[in-house]
C-alpha atoms as a PDB file:
ATOM      1  CA  MET A   1       0.000   0.000   0.000  1.00  0.00           C
ATOM      2  CA  LYS A   2       1.274   3.475  -0.862  1.00  0.00           C
ATOM      3  CA  VAL A   3       1.110   5.624   2.296  1.00  0.00           C
ATOM      4  CA  LEU A   4       1.416   9.395   1.962  1.00  0.00           C
ATOM      5  CA  THR A   5       2.790  10.784   5.221  1.00  0.00           C
ATOM      6  CA  VAL A   6       2.330  14.522   5.657  1.00  0.00           C
ATOM      7  CA  ILE A   7       4.665  16.068   8.247  1.00  0.00           C
ATOM      8  CA  ASP A   8       4.057  19.350  10.030  1.00  0.00           C
ATOM      9  CA  HIS A   9       6.919  20.727  12.082  1.00  0.00           C
ATOM     10  CA  PRO A  10       9.154  23.703  11.264  1.00  0.00           C
ATOM     11  CA  ARG A  11      12.353  21.998  12.495  1.00  0.00           C
ATOM     12  CA  ARG A  12      13.831  18.992  10.686  1.00  0.00           C
ATOM     13  CA  ASP A  13      15.569  17.940  13.930  1.00  0.00           C
ATOM     14  CA  SER A  14      12.239  17.734  15.823  1.00  0.00           C
ATOM     15  CA  LEU A  15      10.732  14.683  17.445  1.00  0.00           C
ATOM     16  CA  THR A  16       7.859  14.992  14.943  1.00  0.00           C
ATOM     17  CA  HIS A  17      10.301  14.409  12.072  1.00  0.00           C
ATOM     18  CA  ALA A  18      11.945  11.545  13.973  1.00  0.00           C
ATOM     19  CA  VAL A  19       8.491   9.988  14.420  1.00  0.00           C
ATOM     20  CA  ALA A  20       7.867  10.312  10.666  1.00  0.00           C
ATOM     21  CA  ALA A  21      11.189   8.625   9.883  1.00  0.00           C
ATOM     22  CA  ARG A  22      10.442   5.746  12.255  1.00  0.00           C
ATOM     23  CA  LEU A  23       6.920   5.355  10.880  1.00  0.00           C
ATOM     24  CA  ALA A  24       8.394   5.220   7.353  1.00  0.00           C
ATOM     25  CA  LYS A  25      10.905   2.589   8.487  1.00  0.00           C
ATOM     26  CA  GLY A  26       8.075   0.505   9.902  1.00  0.00           C
ATOM     27  CA  LEU A  27       5.946   0.965   6.791  1.00  0.00           C
ATOM     28  CA  ALA A  28       8.793  -0.253   4.581  1.00  0.00           C
ATOM     29  CA  ALA A  29       9.363  -3.251   6.884  1.00  0.00           C
ATOM     30  CA  GLY A  30       5.648  -4.024   6.625  1.00  0.00           C
ATOM     31  CA  GLY A  31       5.801  -4.095   2.829  1.00  0.00           C
ATOM     32  CA  HIS A  32       4.284  -0.672   2.260  1.00  0.00           C
ATOM     33  CA  GLU A  33       5.592   2.226   0.186  1.00  0.00           C
ATOM     34  CA  PRO A  34       6.071   5.292   2.405  1.00  0.00           C
ATOM     35  CA  VAL A  35       5.986   8.705   0.723  1.00  0.00           C
ATOM     36  CA  LEU A  36       7.055  11.576   2.999  1.00  0.00           C
ATOM     37  CA  HIS A  37       5.781  15.101   2.385  1.00  0.00           C
ATOM     38  CA  ASP A  38       7.150  17.860   4.648  1.00  0.00           C
ATOM     39  CA  LEU A  39       4.778  20.832   4.448  1.00  0.00           C
ATOM     40  CA  HIS A  40       7.352  23.316   5.765  1.00  0.00           C
ATOM     41  CA  ALA A  41      10.144  22.161   3.449  1.00  0.00           C
ATOM     42  CA  ALA A  42       7.702  22.287   0.525  1.00  0.00           C
ATOM     43  CA  GLY A  43       6.806  25.883   1.385  1.00  0.00           C
ATOM     44  CA  PHE A  44       3.093  25.129   1.587  1.00  0.00           C
ATOM     45  CA  ASP A  45       1.050  28.258   2.362  1.00  0.00           C
ATOM     46  CA  PRO A  46      -1.690  27.376   4.871  1.00  0.00           C
ATOM     47  CA  ARG A  47      -3.611  30.615   4.304  1.00  0.00           C
ATOM     48  CA  MET A  48      -6.917  30.258   2.455  1.00  0.00           C
ATOM     49  CA  PRO A  49      -6.926  32.296  -0.772  1.00  0.00           C
ATOM     50  CA  PRO A  50     -10.206  33.007  -2.576  1.00  0.00           C
ATOM     51  CA  ALA A  51      -9.199  30.451  -5.236  1.00  0.00           C
ATOM     52  CA  ASP A  52      -9.500  27.677  -2.623  1.00  0.00           C
ATOM     53  CA  GLU A  53     -12.719  28.661  -0.899  1.00  0.00           C
ATOM     54  CA  PRO A  54     -15.389  25.966  -1.296  1.00  0.00           C
ATOM     55  CA  ASP A  55     -17.734  26.725  -4.164  1.00  0.00           C
ATOM     56  CA  TRP A  56     -21.293  25.811  -3.172  1.00  0.00           C
ATOM     57  CA  GLN A  57     -22.532  26.301  -6.745  1.00  0.00           C
ATOM     58  CA  ASP A  58     -19.925  24.141  -8.550  1.00  0.00           C
ATOM     59  CA  ILE A  59     -18.960  20.762  -7.079  1.00  0.00           C
ATOM     60  CA  ASP A  60     -16.508  20.186  -9.947  1.00  0.00           C
ATOM     61  CA  ARG A  61     -14.642  23.437  -9.452  1.00  0.00           C
ATOM     62  CA  LYS A  62     -10.889  23.463 -10.023  1.00  0.00           C
ATOM     63  CA  TYR A  63      -8.956  24.975  -7.160  1.00  0.00           C
ATOM     64  CA  SER A  64      -5.588  26.735  -7.109  1.00  0.00           C
ATOM     65  CA  PRO A  65      -2.609  24.923  -8.660  1.00  0.00           C
ATOM     66  CA  ALA A  66      -1.103  24.512  -5.158  1.00  0.00           C
ATOM     67  CA  ALA A  67      -4.252  22.861  -3.793  1.00  0.00           C
ATOM     68  CA  GLU A  68      -4.702  20.728  -6.911  1.00  0.00           C
ATOM     69  CA  ALA A  69      -1.080  19.501  -6.607  1.00  0.00           C
ATOM     70  CA  GLU A  70      -1.751  18.403  -3.022  1.00  0.00           C
ATOM     71  CA  MET A  71      -4.963  16.677  -4.131  1.00  0.00           C
ATOM     72  CA  ALA A  72      -2.956  14.794  -6.775  1.00  0.00           C
ATOM     73  CA  ARG A  73      -0.556  13.578  -4.070  1.00  0.00           C
ATOM     74  CA  ILE A  74      -3.482  12.188  -2.117  1.00  0.00           C
ATOM     75  CA  ARG A  75      -5.085  10.582  -5.187  1.00  0.00           C
ATOM     76  CA  ALA A  76      -1.794   8.745  -5.836  1.00  0.00           C
ATOM     77  CA  ALA A  77      -1.874   7.169  -2.357  1.00  0.00           C
ATOM     78  CA  ASP A  78      -3.888   4.384  -0.775  1.00  0.00           C
ATOM     79  CA  ALA A  79      -3.619   5.782   2.731  1.00  0.00           C
ATOM     80  CA  LEU A  80      -2.829   9.107   4.356  1.00  0.00           C
ATOM     81  CA  VAL A  81      -1.028   9.815   7.637  1.00  0.00           C
ATOM     82  CA  LEU A  82      -0.752  13.299   9.135  1.00  0.00           C
ATOM     83  CA  ILE A  83       2.001  13.663  11.749  1.00  0.00           C
ATOM     84  CA  PHE A  84       1.950  16.840  13.813  1.00  0.00           C
ATOM     85  CA  PRO A  85       2.841  18.246  17.223  1.00  0.00           C
ATOM     86  CA  VAL A  86      -0.229  18.858  19.344  1.00  0.00           C
ATOM     87  CA  TRP A  87      -0.340  22.597  19.941  1.00  0.00           C
ATOM     88  CA  TRP A  88      -3.099  24.110  22.034  1.00  0.00           C
ATOM     89  CA  TRP A  89      -4.676  20.655  22.221  1.00  0.00           C
ATOM     90  CA  GLY A  90      -5.211  20.410  18.465  1.00  0.00           C
ATOM     91  CA  LEU A  91      -3.742  20.680  15.011  1.00  0.00           C
ATOM     92  CA  PRO A  92      -1.077  23.330  14.337  1.00  0.00           C
ATOM     93  CA  ALA A  93      -1.919  26.100  11.870  1.00  0.00           C
ATOM     94  CA  MET A  94       0.030  24.471   9.026  1.00  0.00           C
ATOM     95  CA  SER A  95      -1.883  21.171   9.336  1.00  0.00           C
ATOM     96  CA  LYS A  96      -5.211  22.923   9.731  1.00  0.00           C
ATOM     97  CA  GLY A  97      -4.535  25.196   6.751  1.00  0.00           C
ATOM     98  CA  TRP A  98      -3.479  22.219   4.635  1.00  0.00           C
ATOM     99  CA  ILE A  99      -6.748  20.470   5.476  1.00  0.00           C
ATOM    100  CA  ASP A 100      -8.760  23.664   4.872  1.00  0.00           C
ATOM    101  CA  ARG A 101      -7.266  24.176   1.405  1.00  0.00           C
ATOM    102  CA  VAL A 102      -6.919  20.567   0.256  1.00  0.00           C
ATOM    103  CA  PHE A 103      -9.814  18.596   1.787  1.00  0.00           C
ATOM    104  CA  ASN A 104     -12.137  20.728  -0.282  1.00  0.00           C
ATOM    105  CA  ARG A 105     -15.694  20.359  -1.518  1.00  0.00           C
ATOM    106  CA  GLY A 106     -15.934  18.071  -4.524  1.00  0.00           C
ATOM    107  CA  PHE A 107     -12.607  16.440  -3.718  1.00  0.00           C
ATOM    108  CA  ALA A 108     -12.989  15.295  -0.111  1.00  0.00           C
ATOM    109  CA  TYR A 109     -16.684  15.658   0.654  1.00  0.00           C
ATOM    110  CA  ASP A 110     -20.193  16.366  -0.580  1.00  0.00           C
ATOM    111  CA  GLY A 111     -22.774  14.009  -1.970  1.00  0.00           C
ATOM    112  CA  ASP A 112     -21.092  10.795  -3.037  1.00  0.00           C
ATOM    113  CA  ARG A 113     -17.631  12.380  -2.961  1.00  0.00           C
ATOM    114  CA  ALA A 114     -15.156  11.306  -0.294  1.00  0.00           C
ATOM    115  CA  LEU A 115     -11.459  11.772   0.427  1.00  0.00           C
ATOM    116  CA  PRO A 116      -9.923   9.173  -1.932  1.00  0.00           C
ATOM    117  CA  VAL A 117      -7.976   7.075   0.586  1.00  0.00           C
ATOM    118  CA  ARG A 118      -8.816   3.835   2.376  1.00  0.00           C
ATOM    119  CA  THR A 119      -7.230   4.818   5.691  1.00  0.00           C
ATOM    120  CA  LEU A 120      -6.600   8.177   7.360  1.00  0.00           C
ATOM    121  CA  LEU A 121      -4.371   8.262  10.441  1.00  0.00           C
ATOM    122  CA  PHE A 122      -3.804  11.381  12.505  1.00  0.00           C
ATOM    123  CA  LEU A 123      -0.670  10.962  14.638  1.00  0.00           C
ATOM    124  CA  GLY A 124      -0.283  13.690  17.262  1.00  0.00           C
ATOM    125  CA  VAL A 125       2.977  14.122  19.156  1.00  0.00           C
ATOM    126  CA  ALA A 126       1.713  15.253  22.561  1.00  0.00           C
ATOM    127  CA  GLY A 127       3.747  16.904  25.295  1.00  0.00           C
ATOM    128  CA  SER A 128       1.452  15.821  28.126  1.00  0.00           C
ATOM    129  CA  GLY A 129       0.673  12.334  29.324  1.00  0.00           C
ATOM    130  CA  ARG A 130      -2.391  10.189  28.732  1.00  0.00           C
ATOM    131  CA  ALA A 131      -3.726  10.923  32.237  1.00  0.00           C
ATOM    132  CA  THR A 132      -3.747  14.677  31.535  1.00  0.00           C
ATOM    133  CA  TYR A 133      -5.608  14.143  28.273  1.00  0.00           C
ATOM    134  CA  GLU A 134      -8.186  11.890  29.909  1.00  0.00           C
ATOM    135  CA  LYS A 135      -8.648  14.094  32.997  1.00  0.00           C
ATOM    136  CA  ASN A 136      -9.190  17.254  30.943  1.00  0.00           C
ATOM    137  CA  ARG A 137     -11.025  15.434  28.117  1.00  0.00           C
ATOM    138  CA  TYR A 138      -8.557  16.616  25.487  1.00  0.00           C
ATOM    139  CA  ASP A 139      -8.761  13.126  24.004  1.00  0.00           C
ATOM    140  CA  LEU A 140     -12.524  13.517  23.576  1.00  0.00           C
ATOM    141  CA  ALA A 141     -12.067  16.962  22.007  1.00  0.00           C
ATOM    142  CA  GLY A 142      -9.635  15.465  19.482  1.00  0.00           C
ATOM    143  CA  GLU A 143     -11.999  12.607  18.761  1.00  0.00           C
ATOM    144  CA  ILE A 144     -14.852  15.000  18.026  1.00  0.00           C
ATOM    145  CA  GLN A 145     -12.875  17.568  16.048  1.00  0.00           C
ATOM    146  CA  ILE A 146     -10.412  15.346  14.198  1.00  0.00           C
ATOM    147  CA  LEU A 147     -12.023  11.915  13.864  1.00  0.00           C
ATOM    148  CA  HIS A 148     -15.598  13.004  13.296  1.00  0.00           C
ATOM    149  CA  GLY A 149     -15.223  16.608  12.148  1.00  0.00           C
ATOM    150  CA  ILE A 150     -12.579  15.831   9.539  1.00  0.00           C
ATOM    151  CA  GLY A 151     -12.118  12.123   8.825  1.00  0.00           C
ATOM    152  CA  HIS A 152     -15.665  10.854   9.011  1.00  0.00           C
ATOM    153  CA  TYR A 153     -17.050  14.043   7.475  1.00  0.00           C
ATOM    154  CA  CYS A 154     -14.765  13.346   4.509  1.00  0.00           C
ATOM    155  CA  GLY A 155     -16.178   9.830   4.198  1.00  0.00           C
ATOM    156  CA  VAL A 156     -13.167   7.853   5.428  1.00  0.00           C
ATOM    157  CA  ALA A 157     -14.665   5.189   7.683  1.00  0.00           C
ATOM    158  CA  ASP A 158     -11.192   3.977   8.675  1.00  0.00           C
ATOM    159  CA  THR A 159     -10.087   7.221  10.312  1.00  0.00           C
ATOM    160  CA  ARG A 160      -7.884   6.885  13.368  1.00  0.00           C
ATOM    161  CA  LEU A 161      -6.368   9.298  15.858  1.00  0.00           C
ATOM    162  CA  GLU A 162      -3.450   8.289  18.014  1.00  0.00           C
ATOM    163  CA  TYR A 163      -1.550  10.464  20.430  1.00  0.00           C
ATOM    164  CA  LEU A 164       2.101   9.750  21.172  1.00  0.00           C
ATOM    165  CA  TYR A 165       2.124  10.995  24.759  1.00  0.00           C
ATOM    166  CA  ASP A 166       4.920  12.435  26.920  1.00  0.00           C
ATOM    167  CA  SER A 167       7.038  13.936  24.148  1.00  0.00           C
ATOM    168  CA  LEU A 168       8.582  16.256  26.748  1.00  0.00           C
ATOM    169  CA  GLY A 169       9.576  13.299  28.892  1.00  0.00           C
ATOM    170  CA  ASP A 170      12.893  11.593  29.509  1.00  0.00           C
ATOM    171  CA  ALA A 171      14.908   9.474  27.097  1.00  0.00           C
ATOM    172  CA  ALA A 172      12.827   6.382  27.890  1.00  0.00           C
ATOM    173  CA  ALA A 173       9.604   8.220  27.005  1.00  0.00           C
ATOM    174  CA  ILE A 174      11.103   9.403  23.709  1.00  0.00           C
ATOM    175  CA  GLN A 175      12.307   5.888  22.901  1.00  0.00           C
ATOM    176  CA  ALA A 176       8.799   4.532  23.616  1.00  0.00           C
ATOM    177  CA  ILE A 177       7.312   7.090  21.201  1.00  0.00           C
ATOM    178  CA  LEU A 178       9.747   6.139  18.441  1.00  0.00           C
ATOM    179  CA  LEU A 179       9.146   2.417  18.966  1.00  0.00           C
ATOM    180  CA  ARG A 180       5.383   2.975  18.833  1.00  0.00           C
ATOM    181  CA  ALA A 181       5.720   4.949  15.576  1.00  0.00           C
ATOM    182  CA  GLU A 182       7.741   2.158  14.004  1.00  0.00           C
ATOM    183  CA  ALA A 183       5.225  -0.462  15.164  1.00  0.00           C
ATOM    184  CA  LEU A 184       2.342   1.587  13.736  1.00  0.00           C
ATOM    185  CA  GLY A 185       4.091   1.552  10.369  1.00  0.00           C
ATOM    186  CA  ARG A 186       5.024  -2.097  10.463  1.00  0.00           C
ATOM    187  CA  ASP A 187       1.483  -3.158  11.432  1.00  0.00           C
ATOM    188  CA  PHE A 188      -0.279  -0.601   9.217  1.00  0.00           C
ATOM    189  CA  ALA A 189      -3.316  -2.076   7.542  1.00  0.00           C
ATOM    190  CA  PRO A 190      -6.762  -0.832   6.641  1.00  0.00           C
ATOM    191  CA  ALA A 191      -9.500  -1.774   9.086  1.00  0.00           C
ATOM    192  CA  GLY A 192     -11.960  -4.339   7.945  1.00  0.00           C
END
């Protein structure tokens, strides 16, 4: 399976990029074809220009060349993984802007249209621990906003959200995160 992995972090030496590399290693070991796409390195502009606003009168509208190029990347994949640091308990601006511009009407939703991938995995690198997320219901907020508000709305039944907790922890916590990322890649398969 060809797995497009979209990475959102401004620093190449970040844990988010290390997670992407380990996921890709696991994907390759599992017989998949990982394709890494670094939004910052690509110079993607997350701001919504008028050319990428949803058109409620024309479901077949063509969007900006930048958005159409991103749509082509997705069409060429079987699965999509978004890897991002959790900032303010959600998606960073770059990830959110990418979704706003690319998961557009006619391409990712409306009528019988759906995001053209079998599996959509959101992988959030979280500074806090699982207990903090559960106590404050941040996990529920992510489930509602990300799983239902994005993945299921875009018609991808196999949408998953996983947090890699304790990214600000000690070396053992970081090693656990990297091992989990590799295992996710190695065991990656569509639900069903």
